[in-house]
Amino acid sequence: MTELVESTAPQRWCDRCGEPAEAGAHEACAAARALEPPRYCAHCRRRMKVQVVPTGWSAVCVEHGEIRG
């Protein structure tokens, strides 16, 4: 059984567009993220399974687990 551990490492990938976080400006991504859930895992760049419900959202990375908002 594996346990999911929250990483304290800095974000390597943009969680909206999937591009490297330090490559260029991501102002449009940050603005869009205020209204919508992440689409990519910020740790490994995998596309996440996202579910949006009236009370919020959840996004699941097969490697790093689930986040909610």
Protein backbone atom coordinates (compact mmCIF):
# COMPACT_ATOMS: atom_id res chain seq x y z
CA MET A 1 0.00 0.00 0.00
CA THR A 2 1.43 3.38 -0.98
CA GLU A 3 0.79 6.55 0.97
CA LEU A 4 0.36 9.87 -0.80
CA VAL A 5 2.61 12.56 0.66
CA GLU A 6 2.21 16.24 -0.12
CA SER A 7 5.42 17.49 -1.70
CA THR A 8 7.07 20.68 -0.48
CA ALA A 9 9.03 20.99 -3.73
CA PRO A 10 8.34 24.07 -5.85
CA GLN A 11 5.86 23.81 -8.70
CA ARG A 12 7.70 22.60 -11.81
CA TRP A 13 4.81 22.80 -14.31
CA CYS A 14 1.93 25.19 -14.86
CA ASP A 15 -1.20 23.41 -13.64
CA ARG A 16 -3.33 24.99 -16.37
CA CYS A 17 -1.31 24.80 -19.61
CA GLY A 18 1.26 22.12 -18.68
CA GLU A 19 4.27 24.18 -19.74
CA PRO A 20 7.32 24.70 -17.47
CA ALA A 21 6.36 27.08 -14.63
CA GLU A 22 9.51 29.17 -14.97
CA ALA A 23 9.29 29.45 -18.78
CA GLY A 24 7.60 32.72 -19.62
CA ALA A 25 4.78 34.54 -17.94
CA HIS A 26 1.64 32.69 -16.92
CA GLU A 27 -0.61 35.67 -16.10
CA ALA A 28 -3.39 34.35 -18.36
CA CYS A 29 -3.14 30.94 -16.69
CA ALA A 30 -3.32 32.50 -13.21
CA ALA A 31 -6.36 34.55 -14.21
CA ALA A 32 -8.11 31.50 -15.66
CA ARG A 33 -7.26 29.41 -12.58
CA ALA A 34 -9.26 31.83 -10.44
CA LEU A 35 -12.38 30.45 -12.16
CA GLU A 36 -11.51 26.89 -13.19
CA PRO A 37 -9.74 23.81 -11.78
CA PRO A 38 -6.19 22.74 -12.66
CA ARG A 39 -5.81 20.49 -15.71
CA TYR A 40 -2.20 19.29 -15.29
CA CYS A 41 -0.32 18.02 -12.23
CA ALA A 42 2.14 20.72 -11.12
CA HIS A 43 4.62 18.04 -9.99
CA CYS A 44 4.77 15.63 -12.93
CA ARG A 45 2.87 17.32 -15.84
CA ARG A 46 0.38 14.47 -16.18
CA ARG A 47 -3.09 15.37 -17.41
CA MET A 48 -5.46 15.02 -14.45
CA LYS A 49 -8.98 13.63 -14.28
CA VAL A 50 -11.12 16.63 -13.30
CA GLN A 51 -14.68 16.61 -12.00
CA VAL A 52 -16.64 19.84 -11.50
CA VAL A 53 -19.74 19.84 -9.29
CA PRO A 54 -21.92 22.74 -8.05
CA THR A 55 -20.09 22.77 -4.69
CA GLY A 56 -16.52 22.73 -6.08
CA TRP A 57 -14.13 20.52 -8.04
CA SER A 58 -11.68 17.65 -7.65
CA ALA A 59 -8.65 16.79 -9.76
CA VAL A 60 -6.83 13.46 -9.57
CA CYS A 61 -3.26 12.70 -10.66
CA VAL A 62 -2.53 8.96 -10.87
CA GLU A 63 0.89 9.58 -9.31
CA HIS A 64 0.24 12.34 -6.75
CA GLY A 65 -3.38 11.84 -5.70
CA GLU A 66 -6.35 14.16 -5.42
CA ILE A 67 -6.72 17.88 -4.79
CA ARG A 68 -10.01 19.69 -4.21
CA GLY A 69 -11.21 23.21 -4.48
